[in-house]
């Protein structure tokens, strides 16, 4: 009976670790999404501030610069989103394995 008790206890501990890892994974994913939104908002704010600065400095060609900045900003955000889409599952698995292991 002693070996069976140990096996049951080990199984219980493994389930608890898995639950903790899954909870941590959810928390980290939520944090990643929160950070993604913050980075987007910060990038938009910086871009807008830079656009204003350029507009004040240069006048007539500001519209063209603004257009290029908007395109650049959009490309950077899309690049970041694509990187997140490609890697978030691997990042989650790495985090979960480091918690379990």
N, C-alpha and C. Protein backbone atom coordinates (compact mmCIF):
# COMPACT_ATOMS: atom_id res chain seq x y z
N UNK A 1 0.82 -1.20 0.00
CA UNK A 1 0.00 0.00 0.00
C UNK A 1 0.86 1.25 0.00
N UNK A 2 2.06 1.19 0.53
CA UNK A 2 2.92 2.35 0.61
C UNK A 2 3.31 2.86 -0.77
N UNK A 3 3.60 1.96 -1.70
CA UNK A 3 3.98 2.35 -3.06
C UNK A 3 2.79 2.99 -3.78
N UNK A 4 1.61 2.43 -3.57
CA UNK A 4 0.41 2.98 -4.19
C UNK A 4 0.16 4.39 -3.68
N UNK A 5 0.33 4.60 -2.40
CA UNK A 5 0.15 5.94 -1.82
C UNK A 5 1.13 6.92 -2.43
N UNK A 6 2.37 6.49 -2.60
CA UNK A 6 3.39 7.36 -3.20
C UNK A 6 3.04 7.69 -4.65
N UNK A 7 2.56 6.70 -5.38
CA UNK A 7 2.17 6.93 -6.77
C UNK A 7 1.01 7.92 -6.84
N UNK A 8 0.02 7.73 -5.96
CA UNK A 8 -1.12 8.65 -5.94
C UNK A 8 -0.69 10.07 -5.56
N UNK A 9 0.20 10.16 -4.60
CA UNK A 9 0.70 11.47 -4.17
C UNK A 9 1.49 12.14 -5.30
N UNK A 10 2.30 11.37 -5.99
CA UNK A 10 3.08 11.90 -7.12
C UNK A 10 2.15 12.38 -8.22
N UNK A 11 1.12 11.59 -8.50
CA UNK A 11 0.14 11.97 -9.51
C UNK A 11 -0.58 13.26 -9.11
N UNK A 12 -0.94 13.37 -7.86
CA UNK A 12 -1.61 14.57 -7.35
C UNK A 12 -0.70 15.79 -7.49
N UNK A 13 0.56 15.64 -7.14
CA UNK A 13 1.51 16.74 -7.27
C UNK A 13 1.71 17.15 -8.73
N UNK A 14 1.74 16.16 -9.60
CA UNK A 14 1.90 16.45 -11.02
C UNK A 14 0.69 17.24 -11.54
N UNK A 15 -0.50 16.85 -11.13
CA UNK A 15 -1.71 17.57 -11.54
C UNK A 15 -1.69 19.00 -11.03
N UNK A 16 -1.25 19.17 -9.79
CA UNK A 16 -1.17 20.51 -9.22
C UNK A 16 -0.17 21.38 -9.98
N UNK A 17 0.98 20.79 -10.33
CA UNK A 17 1.98 21.54 -11.10
C UNK A 17 1.44 21.92 -12.47
N UNK A 18 0.73 20.99 -13.09
CA UNK A 18 0.16 21.27 -14.40
C UNK A 18 -0.87 22.39 -14.29
N UNK A 19 -1.72 22.35 -13.28
CA UNK A 19 -2.70 23.41 -13.07
C UNK A 19 -2.01 24.75 -12.88
N UNK A 20 -0.96 24.76 -12.08
CA UNK A 20 -0.22 26.00 -11.83
C UNK A 20 0.42 26.51 -13.13
N UNK A 21 0.95 25.59 -13.90
CA UNK A 21 1.60 25.98 -15.16
C UNK A 21 0.57 26.55 -16.14
N UNK A 22 -0.59 25.94 -16.21
CA UNK A 22 -1.63 26.43 -17.10
C UNK A 22 -2.14 27.79 -16.65
N UNK A 23 -2.27 27.97 -15.36
CA UNK A 23 -2.69 29.26 -14.82
C UNK A 23 -1.64 30.32 -15.14
N UNK A 24 -0.39 29.98 -14.92
CA UNK A 24 0.71 30.90 -15.21
C UNK A 24 0.74 31.23 -16.70
N UNK A 25 0.50 30.24 -17.53
CA UNK A 25 0.48 30.45 -18.98
C UNK A 25 -0.59 31.46 -19.34
N UNK A 26 -1.77 31.30 -18.77
CA UNK A 26 -2.87 32.23 -19.03
C UNK A 26 -2.51 33.64 -18.58
N UNK A 27 -1.91 33.74 -17.41
CA UNK A 27 -1.50 35.04 -16.89
C UNK A 27 -0.46 35.68 -17.80
N UNK A 28 0.51 34.88 -18.24
CA UNK A 28 1.57 35.41 -19.10
C UNK A 28 1.03 35.81 -20.47
N UNK A 29 0.11 35.05 -20.99
CA UNK A 29 -0.50 35.39 -22.27
C UNK A 29 -1.27 36.70 -22.15
N UNK A 30 -2.02 36.85 -21.06
CA UNK A 30 -2.75 38.10 -20.84
C UNK A 30 -1.78 39.26 -20.71
N UNK A 31 -0.68 39.03 -20.02
CA UNK A 31 0.34 40.08 -19.86
C UNK A 31 0.97 40.42 -21.22
N UNK A 32 1.23 39.41 -22.04
CA UNK A 32 1.78 39.65 -23.39
C UNK A 32 0.82 40.51 -24.21
N UNK A 33 -0.45 40.18 -24.15
CA UNK A 33 -1.44 40.95 -24.90
C UNK A 33 -1.52 42.38 -24.37
N UNK A 34 -1.46 42.52 -23.06
CA UNK A 34 -1.49 43.85 -22.45
C UNK A 34 -0.27 44.66 -22.89
N UNK A 35 0.90 44.02 -22.87
CA UNK A 35 2.12 44.70 -23.30
C UNK A 35 2.06 45.05 -24.79
N UNK A 36 1.48 44.17 -25.60
CA UNK A 36 1.33 44.45 -27.02
C UNK A 36 0.50 45.71 -27.23
N UNK A 37 -0.60 45.80 -26.53
CA UNK A 37 -1.45 46.99 -26.65
C UNK A 37 -0.73 48.24 -26.18
N UNK A 38 0.04 48.11 -25.11
CA UNK A 38 0.80 49.26 -24.59
C UNK A 38 1.85 49.70 -25.61
N UNK A 39 2.54 48.74 -26.20
CA UNK A 39 3.56 49.07 -27.20
C UNK A 39 2.92 49.76 -28.40
N UNK A 40 1.77 49.25 -28.84
CA UNK A 40 1.07 49.89 -29.95
C UNK A 40 0.70 51.33 -29.60
N UNK A 41 0.13 51.52 -28.41
CA UNK A 41 -0.29 52.86 -28.00
C UNK A 41 0.91 53.79 -27.89
N UNK A 42 2.00 53.30 -27.32
CA UNK A 42 3.21 54.11 -27.21
C UNK A 42 3.77 54.47 -28.58
N UNK A 43 3.77 53.52 -29.49
CA UNK A 43 4.27 53.77 -30.85
C UNK A 43 3.42 54.83 -31.54
N UNK A 44 2.12 54.73 -31.39
CA UNK A 44 1.23 55.70 -32.01
C UNK A 44 1.45 57.09 -31.41
N UNK A 45 1.62 57.16 -30.10
CA UNK A 45 1.86 58.43 -29.44
C UNK A 45 3.17 59.05 -29.90
N UNK A 46 4.22 58.24 -29.94
CA UNK A 46 5.52 58.75 -30.40
C UNK A 46 5.45 59.22 -31.84
N UNK A 47 4.78 58.45 -32.68
CA UNK A 47 4.65 58.82 -34.08
C UNK A 47 3.88 60.13 -34.22
N UNK A 48 2.82 60.27 -33.48
CA UNK A 48 2.02 61.50 -33.53
C UNK A 48 2.84 62.70 -33.04
N UNK A 49 3.57 62.51 -31.97
CA UNK A 49 4.42 63.59 -31.48
C UNK A 49 5.48 63.97 -32.49
N UNK A 50 6.06 62.98 -33.13
CA UNK A 50 7.08 63.23 -34.15
C UNK A 50 6.47 63.94 -35.36
N UNK A 51 5.27 63.52 -35.75
CA UNK A 51 4.58 64.18 -36.86
C UNK A 51 4.33 65.65 -36.54
N UNK A 52 3.90 65.92 -35.32
CA UNK A 52 3.65 67.31 -34.92
C UNK A 52 4.94 68.12 -34.97
N UNK A 53 6.00 67.52 -34.46
CA UNK A 53 7.29 68.19 -34.46
C UNK A 53 7.74 68.50 -35.89
N UNK A 54 7.62 67.53 -36.78
CA UNK A 54 7.99 67.75 -38.17
C UNK A 54 7.12 68.81 -38.82
N UNK A 55 5.87 68.76 -38.53
CA UNK A 55 4.94 69.71 -39.12
C UNK A 55 5.29 71.13 -38.69
N UNK A 56 5.62 71.30 -37.45
CA UNK A 56 6.01 72.61 -36.95
C UNK A 56 7.31 73.10 -37.59
N UNK A 57 8.23 72.17 -37.84
CA UNK A 57 9.53 72.54 -38.40
C UNK A 57 9.49 72.81 -39.89
N UNK A 58 8.70 72.06 -40.62
CA UNK A 58 8.88 72.10 -42.06
C UNK A 58 7.72 72.59 -42.90
N UNK A 59 6.57 72.70 -42.46
CA UNK A 59 5.50 73.30 -43.26
C UNK A 59 5.05 72.51 -44.47
N UNK A 60 5.48 72.86 -45.70
CA UNK A 60 4.90 72.34 -46.93
C UNK A 60 5.13 70.86 -47.19
N UNK A 61 6.31 70.34 -46.90
CA UNK A 61 6.56 68.92 -47.17
C UNK A 61 6.18 68.02 -45.99
N UNK A 62 5.54 68.60 -45.00
CA UNK A 62 5.13 67.82 -43.83
C UNK A 62 4.11 66.74 -44.19
N UNK A 63 3.24 67.03 -45.14
CA UNK A 63 2.21 66.06 -45.53
C UNK A 63 2.84 64.80 -46.10
N UNK A 64 3.85 64.99 -46.92
CA UNK A 64 4.54 63.83 -47.50
C UNK A 64 5.26 63.04 -46.42
N UNK A 65 5.94 63.74 -45.54
CA UNK A 65 6.64 63.07 -44.44
C UNK A 65 5.66 62.34 -43.53
N UNK A 66 4.54 62.99 -43.28
CA UNK A 66 3.53 62.38 -42.42
C UNK A 66 3.03 61.08 -43.05
N UNK A 67 2.80 61.11 -44.34
CA UNK A 67 2.34 59.91 -45.04
C UNK A 67 3.37 58.79 -44.92
N UNK A 68 4.64 59.11 -45.12
CA UNK A 68 5.70 58.09 -45.00
C UNK A 68 5.78 57.57 -43.56
N UNK A 69 5.64 58.48 -42.60
CA UNK A 69 5.67 58.05 -41.20
C UNK A 69 4.52 57.11 -40.88
N UNK A 70 3.35 57.44 -41.39
CA UNK A 70 2.18 56.58 -41.15
C UNK A 70 2.41 55.19 -41.74
N UNK A 71 2.96 55.15 -42.94
CA UNK A 71 3.25 53.87 -43.58
C UNK A 71 4.28 53.09 -42.78
N UNK A 72 5.32 53.78 -42.33
CA UNK A 72 6.37 53.14 -41.54
C UNK A 72 5.81 52.62 -40.22
N UNK A 73 4.99 53.44 -39.58
CA UNK A 73 4.37 53.04 -38.31
C UNK A 73 3.51 51.80 -38.50
N UNK A 74 2.71 51.81 -39.56
CA UNK A 74 1.83 50.68 -39.84
C UNK A 74 2.65 49.42 -40.11
N UNK A 75 3.74 49.56 -40.87
CA UNK A 75 4.58 48.40 -41.18
C UNK A 75 5.22 47.84 -39.91
N UNK A 76 5.69 48.71 -39.03
CA UNK A 76 6.32 48.25 -37.78
C UNK A 76 5.31 47.52 -36.90
N UNK A 77 4.11 48.07 -36.80
CA UNK A 77 3.07 47.43 -35.99
C UNK A 77 2.70 46.07 -36.58
N UNK A 78 2.56 46.01 -37.90
CA UNK A 78 2.25 44.73 -38.55
C UNK A 78 3.37 43.74 -38.34
N UNK A 79 4.60 44.21 -38.40
CA UNK A 79 5.76 43.33 -38.18
C UNK A 79 5.74 42.77 -36.76
N UNK A 80 5.45 43.63 -35.79
CA UNK A 80 5.38 43.20 -34.40
C UNK A 80 4.25 42.19 -34.19
N UNK A 81 3.10 42.47 -34.79
CA UNK A 81 1.96 41.55 -34.65
C UNK A 81 2.27 40.20 -35.29
N UNK A 82 2.94 40.21 -36.44
CA UNK A 82 3.30 38.97 -37.12
C UNK A 82 4.30 38.17 -36.27
N UNK A 83 5.26 38.87 -35.69
CA UNK A 83 6.23 38.21 -34.82
C UNK A 83 5.53 37.56 -33.63
N UNK A 84 4.57 38.28 -33.05
CA UNK A 84 3.82 37.74 -31.92
C UNK A 84 3.01 36.52 -32.36
N UNK A 85 2.34 36.62 -33.52
CA UNK A 85 1.53 35.50 -34.02
C UNK A 85 2.39 34.26 -34.25
N UNK A 86 3.58 34.47 -34.82
CA UNK A 86 4.44 33.34 -35.14
C UNK A 86 5.05 32.70 -33.89
N UNK A 87 5.32 33.50 -32.87
CA UNK A 87 6.12 33.01 -31.76
C UNK A 87 5.39 32.83 -30.43
N UNK A 88 4.18 33.35 -30.30
CA UNK A 88 3.58 33.30 -28.97
C UNK A 88 3.35 31.88 -28.47
N UNK A 89 3.01 30.96 -29.37
CA UNK A 89 2.80 29.58 -28.92
C UNK A 89 4.11 28.96 -28.42
N UNK A 90 5.18 29.20 -29.15
CA UNK A 90 6.49 28.68 -28.72
C UNK A 90 6.90 29.32 -27.40
N UNK A 91 6.66 30.63 -27.28
CA UNK A 91 6.99 31.31 -26.03
C UNK A 91 6.18 30.73 -24.87
N UNK A 92 4.89 30.47 -25.11
CA UNK A 92 4.04 29.89 -24.07
C UNK A 92 4.55 28.51 -23.66
N UNK A 93 4.88 27.68 -24.66
CA UNK A 93 5.37 26.34 -24.36
C UNK A 93 6.69 26.40 -23.58
N UNK A 94 7.54 27.32 -23.96
CA UNK A 94 8.82 27.46 -23.26
C UNK A 94 8.59 27.88 -21.80
N UNK A 95 7.67 28.79 -21.59
CA UNK A 95 7.37 29.24 -20.24
C UNK A 95 6.79 28.10 -19.42
N UNK A 96 5.82 27.37 -20.00
CA UNK A 96 5.18 26.27 -19.29
C UNK A 96 6.21 25.19 -18.97
N UNK A 97 7.07 24.86 -19.93
CA UNK A 97 8.06 23.82 -19.67
C UNK A 97 9.06 24.25 -18.61
N UNK A 98 9.39 25.55 -18.57
CA UNK A 98 10.33 25.99 -17.54
C UNK A 98 9.66 25.97 -16.17
N UNK A 99 8.35 26.18 -16.13
CA UNK A 99 7.63 26.13 -14.85
C UNK A 99 7.51 24.69 -14.38
N UNK A 100 7.14 23.78 -15.30
CA UNK A 100 6.95 22.38 -14.94
C UNK A 100 8.29 21.71 -14.66
N UNK A 101 9.27 22.01 -15.50
CA UNK A 101 10.57 21.36 -15.41
C UNK A 101 11.36 21.93 -14.30
